[in-house]
């Protein structure tokens, strides 16, 4: 009988050891993210595991790290809570057995999936700069056009916007306002 391939089978022994034994100071069996005091900067992870961590499935924290919502065969997950991201090791159980906060990591939601993107502190810095200069709509539009994102942003905002607001905008456009 052929054994089911599990996530840890896709890692080298060195990567697995770095995720489980060396350099990552997980906390054992915390119940809630507010109890997790240990953290590591995403950029400080070993280069050989940064891509591994970046490709992990992302789940949203519900009510307890002990909730049996994880598949032990996967073993490693990223879990989000508020604006924080946690690296989770299940050790084969259905709950978050070992947890550490990952700093300097941005999780972007895309329609019904979550995709992790690592931009070490840059996204937060850009947002802070835009707030600092009290950016106006025309300048933001110029930035979006300059980076070639006009159509994508229009589509995303249109599809995710409040339907009544979108209808009002369409009405304004038709009236030439």
C-alpha atoms as a PDB file:
ATOM      1  CA  UNK A   1       0.000   0.000   0.000  1.00  0.00           C
ATOM      2  CA  UNK A   2       1.369   3.400  -1.004  1.00  0.00           C
ATOM      3  CA  UNK A   3       1.790   5.856   1.875  1.00  0.00           C
ATOM      4  CA  UNK A   4       0.115   9.270   1.529  1.00  0.00           C
ATOM      5  CA  UNK A   5       2.697  11.996   0.861  1.00  0.00           C
ATOM      6  CA  UNK A   6       2.691  14.503   3.704  1.00  0.00           C
ATOM      7  CA  UNK A   7       3.973  18.081   3.766  1.00  0.00           C
ATOM      8  CA  UNK A   8       7.154  17.269   5.681  1.00  0.00           C
ATOM      9  CA  UNK A   9       8.077  14.875   2.843  1.00  0.00           C
ATOM     10  CA  UNK A  10       8.455  17.923   0.567  1.00  0.00           C
ATOM     11  CA  UNK A  11      11.162  19.454   2.774  1.00  0.00           C
ATOM     12  CA  UNK A  12      14.813  18.606   3.002  1.00  0.00           C
ATOM     13  CA  UNK A  13      15.978  17.288   6.346  1.00  0.00           C
ATOM     14  CA  UNK A  14      17.870  20.550   6.860  1.00  0.00           C
ATOM     15  CA  UNK A  15      14.740  22.644   6.203  1.00  0.00           C
ATOM     16  CA  UNK A  16      12.643  20.469   8.495  1.00  0.00           C
ATOM     17  CA  UNK A  17      15.225  20.754  11.284  1.00  0.00           C
ATOM     18  CA  UNK A  18      15.354  24.536  10.887  1.00  0.00           C
ATOM     19  CA  UNK A  19      11.563  24.722  11.108  1.00  0.00           C
ATOM     20  CA  UNK A  20      11.343  22.469  14.149  1.00  0.00           C
ATOM     21  CA  UNK A  21      14.571  22.562  16.152  1.00  0.00           C
ATOM     22  CA  UNK A  22      17.027  25.340  15.340  1.00  0.00           C
ATOM     23  CA  UNK A  23      16.548  29.087  15.537  1.00  0.00           C
ATOM     24  CA  UNK A  24      12.785  29.219  16.016  1.00  0.00           C
ATOM     25  CA  UNK A  25      11.742  29.632  19.634  1.00  0.00           C
ATOM     26  CA  UNK A  26       8.143  28.393  19.480  1.00  0.00           C
ATOM     27  CA  UNK A  27       5.835  28.587  22.463  1.00  0.00           C
ATOM     28  CA  UNK A  28       4.288  25.272  23.429  1.00  0.00           C
ATOM     29  CA  UNK A  29       0.515  25.015  23.552  1.00  0.00           C
ATOM     30  CA  UNK A  30      -0.637  28.616  23.968  1.00  0.00           C
ATOM     31  CA  UNK A  31      -4.423  28.937  23.969  1.00  0.00           C
ATOM     32  CA  UNK A  32      -4.707  32.397  22.402  1.00  0.00           C
ATOM     33  CA  UNK A  33      -2.507  34.726  20.288  1.00  0.00           C
ATOM     34  CA  UNK A  34      -2.393  37.260  23.144  1.00  0.00           C
ATOM     35  CA  UNK A  35      -0.476  34.643  25.167  1.00  0.00           C
ATOM     36  CA  UNK A  36       2.299  34.319  22.557  1.00  0.00           C
ATOM     37  CA  UNK A  37       5.310  36.360  23.677  1.00  0.00           C
ATOM     38  CA  UNK A  38       7.973  34.945  21.361  1.00  0.00           C
ATOM     39  CA  UNK A  39       8.437  36.338  17.879  1.00  0.00           C
ATOM     40  CA  UNK A  40      10.884  36.288  15.015  1.00  0.00           C
ATOM     41  CA  UNK A  41      11.292  38.685  12.134  1.00  0.00           C
ATOM     42  CA  UNK A  42      10.393  36.996   8.844  1.00  0.00           C
ATOM     43  CA  UNK A  43      13.579  38.419   7.285  1.00  0.00           C
ATOM     44  CA  UNK A  44      15.649  36.752  10.013  1.00  0.00           C
ATOM     45  CA  UNK A  45      14.523  33.253   9.087  1.00  0.00           C
ATOM     46  CA  UNK A  46      17.095  31.096   7.369  1.00  0.00           C
ATOM     47  CA  UNK A  47      17.058  31.692   3.616  1.00  0.00           C
ATOM     48  CA  UNK A  48      16.411  28.011   2.969  1.00  0.00           C
ATOM     49  CA  UNK A  49      13.043  28.162   4.756  1.00  0.00           C
ATOM     50  CA  UNK A  50      11.766  31.630   3.817  1.00  0.00           C
ATOM     51  CA  UNK A  51      10.198  30.281   0.599  1.00  0.00           C
ATOM     52  CA  UNK A  52       8.798  27.292   2.476  1.00  0.00           C
ATOM     53  CA  UNK A  53       7.142  29.572   5.028  1.00  0.00           C
ATOM     54  CA  UNK A  54       5.914  31.902   2.281  1.00  0.00           C
ATOM     55  CA  UNK A  55       4.113  28.996   0.596  1.00  0.00           C
ATOM     56  CA  UNK A  56       2.312  27.703   3.698  1.00  0.00           C
ATOM     57  CA  UNK A  57      -1.475  27.645   3.802  1.00  0.00           C
ATOM     58  CA  UNK A  58      -3.008  30.563   5.691  1.00  0.00           C
ATOM     59  CA  UNK A  59      -5.837  30.068   8.181  1.00  0.00           C
ATOM     60  CA  UNK A  60      -7.647  32.624  10.273  1.00  0.00           C
ATOM     61  CA  UNK A  61      -7.578  32.288  14.064  1.00  0.00           C
ATOM     62  CA  UNK A  62     -11.057  31.464  15.338  1.00  0.00           C
ATOM     63  CA  UNK A  63     -11.274  31.117  19.127  1.00  0.00           C
ATOM     64  CA  UNK A  64      -8.460  28.927  20.451  1.00  0.00           C
ATOM     65  CA  UNK A  65      -5.196  27.435  19.242  1.00  0.00           C
ATOM     66  CA  UNK A  66      -6.594  24.145  20.602  1.00  0.00           C
ATOM     67  CA  UNK A  67      -9.473  24.100  18.116  1.00  0.00           C
ATOM     68  CA  UNK A  68      -9.122  20.996  15.961  1.00  0.00           C
ATOM     69  CA  UNK A  69      -9.303  22.912  12.656  1.00  0.00           C
ATOM     70  CA  UNK A  70      -5.896  21.988  11.216  1.00  0.00           C
ATOM     71  CA  UNK A  71      -4.791  18.916   9.325  1.00  0.00           C
ATOM     72  CA  UNK A  72      -1.882  17.281  11.142  1.00  0.00           C
ATOM     73  CA  UNK A  73      -0.536  15.944   7.854  1.00  0.00           C
ATOM     74  CA  UNK A  74       0.197  19.531   6.775  1.00  0.00           C
ATOM     75  CA  UNK A  75       2.118  20.200  10.029  1.00  0.00           C
ATOM     76  CA  UNK A  76       3.020  23.867   9.319  1.00  0.00           C
ATOM     77  CA  UNK A  77       0.591  26.750   8.807  1.00  0.00           C
ATOM     78  CA  UNK A  78       0.447  30.514   8.919  1.00  0.00           C
ATOM     79  CA  UNK A  79      -2.356  31.701  11.181  1.00  0.00           C
ATOM     80  CA  UNK A  80      -3.677  35.256  11.225  1.00  0.00           C
ATOM     81  CA  UNK A  81      -5.170  37.177  14.130  1.00  0.00           C
ATOM     82  CA  UNK A  82      -5.946  40.880  13.805  1.00  0.00           C
ATOM     83  CA  UNK A  83      -2.861  42.302  12.043  1.00  0.00           C
ATOM     84  CA  UNK A  84      -0.542  39.584  13.309  1.00  0.00           C
ATOM     85  CA  UNK A  85       0.767  36.444  11.630  1.00  0.00           C
ATOM     86  CA  UNK A  86       1.834  33.285  13.453  1.00  0.00           C
ATOM     87  CA  UNK A  87       3.898  30.324  12.308  1.00  0.00           C
ATOM     88  CA  UNK A  88       2.222  27.185  13.602  1.00  0.00           C
ATOM     89  CA  UNK A  89       3.633  23.658  13.957  1.00  0.00           C
ATOM     90  CA  UNK A  90       0.995  20.988  14.607  1.00  0.00           C
ATOM     91  CA  UNK A  91       3.507  18.151  15.091  1.00  0.00           C
ATOM     92  CA  UNK A  92       0.893  15.900  13.489  1.00  0.00           C
ATOM     93  CA  UNK A  93      -2.036  16.991  15.672  1.00  0.00           C
ATOM     94  CA  UNK A  94      -5.166  18.831  14.539  1.00  0.00           C
ATOM     95  CA  UNK A  95      -4.390  21.950  16.566  1.00  0.00           C
ATOM     96  CA  UNK A  96      -1.615  24.540  16.878  1.00  0.00           C
ATOM     97  CA  UNK A  97       0.804  22.750  19.201  1.00  0.00           C
ATOM     98  CA  UNK A  98       3.759  25.155  18.754  1.00  0.00           C
ATOM     99  CA  UNK A  99       3.335  28.818  17.844  1.00  0.00           C
ATOM    100  CA  UNK A 100       5.550  31.852  17.224  1.00  0.00           C
ATOM    101  CA  UNK A 101       4.632  35.289  15.905  1.00  0.00           C
ATOM    102  CA  UNK A 102       6.190  36.224  12.564  1.00  0.00           C
ATOM    103  CA  UNK A 103       6.900  39.923  12.284  1.00  0.00           C
ATOM    104  CA  UNK A 104       7.390  41.914   9.088  1.00  0.00           C
ATOM    105  CA  UNK A 105       5.046  39.744   7.067  1.00  0.00           C
ATOM    106  CA  UNK A 106       2.006  40.946   5.144  1.00  0.00           C
ATOM    107  CA  UNK A 107      -0.959  38.740   4.308  1.00  0.00           C
ATOM    108  CA  UNK A 108      -3.057  40.023   1.421  1.00  0.00           C
ATOM    109  CA  UNK A 109      -6.607  38.752   0.964  1.00  0.00           C
ATOM    110  CA  UNK A 110      -7.627  38.001  -2.620  1.00  0.00           C
ATOM    111  CA  UNK A 111     -11.286  37.236  -3.232  1.00  0.00           C
ATOM    112  CA  UNK A 112     -11.848  33.917  -1.443  1.00  0.00           C
ATOM    113  CA  UNK A 113      -8.221  32.912  -1.024  1.00  0.00           C
ATOM    114  CA  UNK A 114      -5.445  34.345   1.076  1.00  0.00           C
ATOM    115  CA  UNK A 115      -2.058  34.843  -0.438  1.00  0.00           C
ATOM    116  CA  UNK A 116       0.999  35.670   1.574  1.00  0.00           C
ATOM    117  CA  UNK A 117       3.461  38.202   0.306  1.00  0.00           C
ATOM    118  CA  UNK A 118       6.687  39.089   2.006  1.00  0.00           C
ATOM    119  CA  UNK A 119       7.571  42.745   1.752  1.00  0.00           C
ATOM    120  CA  UNK A 120       9.824  43.256   4.742  1.00  0.00           C
ATOM    121  CA  UNK A 121       8.280  46.329   6.327  1.00  0.00           C
ATOM    122  CA  UNK A 122       7.915  48.132   3.024  1.00  0.00           C
ATOM    123  CA  UNK A 123       4.115  48.027   2.782  1.00  0.00           C
ATOM    124  CA  UNK A 124       3.705  49.499   6.263  1.00  0.00           C
ATOM    125  CA  UNK A 125       6.346  52.135   5.481  1.00  0.00           C
ATOM    126  CA  UNK A 126       4.615  53.163   2.241  1.00  0.00           C
ATOM    127  CA  UNK A 127       1.232  53.379   3.988  1.00  0.00           C
ATOM    128  CA  UNK A 128       2.796  55.483   6.738  1.00  0.00           C
ATOM    129  CA  UNK A 129       4.369  57.838   4.172  1.00  0.00           C
ATOM    130  CA  UNK A 130       1.071  58.224   2.301  1.00  0.00           C
ATOM    131  CA  UNK A 131      -0.733  59.035   5.538  1.00  0.00           C
ATOM    132  CA  UNK A 132       2.012  61.448   6.548  1.00  0.00           C
ATOM    133  CA  UNK A 133       1.693  63.476   3.348  1.00  0.00           C
ATOM    134  CA  UNK A 134      -2.105  63.321   3.619  1.00  0.00           C
ATOM    135  CA  UNK A 135      -2.367  62.049   0.070  1.00  0.00           C
ATOM    136  CA  UNK A 136      -5.308  63.201  -2.026  1.00  0.00           C
ATOM    137  CA  UNK A 137      -7.290  61.191  -4.568  1.00  0.00           C
ATOM    138  CA  UNK A 138      -5.659  62.692  -7.653  1.00  0.00           C
ATOM    139  CA  UNK A 139      -2.155  61.934  -6.381  1.00  0.00           C
ATOM    140  CA  UNK A 140      -3.170  58.372  -5.455  1.00  0.00           C
ATOM    141  CA  UNK A 141      -4.659  57.944  -8.920  1.00  0.00           C
ATOM    142  CA  UNK A 142      -1.380  59.191 -10.432  1.00  0.00           C
ATOM    143  CA  UNK A 143       0.578  56.629  -8.365  1.00  0.00           C
ATOM    144  CA  UNK A 144      -1.752  53.789  -9.402  1.00  0.00           C
ATOM    145  CA  UNK A 145      -1.478  54.761 -13.083  1.00  0.00           C
ATOM    146  CA  UNK A 146       2.318  55.158 -12.800  1.00  0.00           C
ATOM    147  CA  UNK A 147       2.758  51.586 -11.573  1.00  0.00           C
ATOM    148  CA  UNK A 148       0.413  50.200 -14.223  1.00  0.00           C
ATOM    149  CA  UNK A 149      -2.311  49.090 -11.808  1.00  0.00           C
ATOM    150  CA  UNK A 150      -5.230  51.245 -13.011  1.00  0.00           C
ATOM    151  CA  UNK A 151      -7.355  48.483 -14.570  1.00  0.00           C
ATOM    152  CA  UNK A 152      -6.621  45.939 -11.837  1.00  0.00           C
ATOM    153  CA  UNK A 153      -7.469  48.427  -9.066  1.00  0.00           C
ATOM    154  CA  UNK A 154     -10.629  49.559 -10.835  1.00  0.00           C
ATOM    155  CA  UNK A 155     -11.752  45.947 -11.170  1.00  0.00           C
ATOM    156  CA  UNK A 156     -10.920  45.037  -7.561  1.00  0.00           C
ATOM    157  CA  UNK A 157     -12.610  48.111  -6.111  1.00  0.00           C
ATOM    158  CA  UNK A 158     -15.630  47.711  -8.388  1.00  0.00           C
ATOM    159  CA  UNK A 159     -16.116  44.028  -7.517  1.00  0.00           C
ATOM    160  CA  UNK A 160     -15.574  44.464  -3.792  1.00  0.00           C
ATOM    161  CA  UNK A 161     -17.274  47.840  -3.351  1.00  0.00           C
ATOM    162  CA  UNK A 162     -20.630  48.456  -1.695  1.00  0.00           C
ATOM    163  CA  UNK A 163     -23.259  47.831  -4.402  1.00  0.00           C
ATOM    164  CA  UNK A 164     -25.232  50.972  -3.606  1.00  0.00           C
ATOM    165  CA  UNK A 165     -22.074  53.107  -3.776  1.00  0.00           C
ATOM    166  CA  UNK A 166     -21.084  51.511  -7.090  1.00  0.00           C
ATOM    167  CA  UNK A 167     -24.592  52.129  -8.483  1.00  0.00           C
ATOM    168  CA  UNK A 168     -24.392  55.773  -7.361  1.00  0.00           C
ATOM    169  CA  UNK A 169     -21.031  56.173  -9.123  1.00  0.00           C
ATOM    170  CA  UNK A 170     -22.408  54.649 -12.328  1.00  0.00           C
ATOM    171  CA  UNK A 171     -25.360  57.068 -12.098  1.00  0.00           C
ATOM    172  CA  UNK A 172     -22.975  60.018 -11.676  1.00  0.00           C
ATOM    173  CA  UNK A 173     -20.948  58.919 -14.687  1.00  0.00           C
ATOM    174  CA  UNK A 174     -24.078  58.572 -16.863  1.00  0.00           C
ATOM    175  CA  UNK A 175     -25.290  62.027 -15.835  1.00  0.00           C
ATOM    176  CA  UNK A 176     -21.908  63.527 -16.624  1.00  0.00           C
ATOM    177  CA  UNK A 177     -21.366  64.809 -13.092  1.00  0.00           C
END
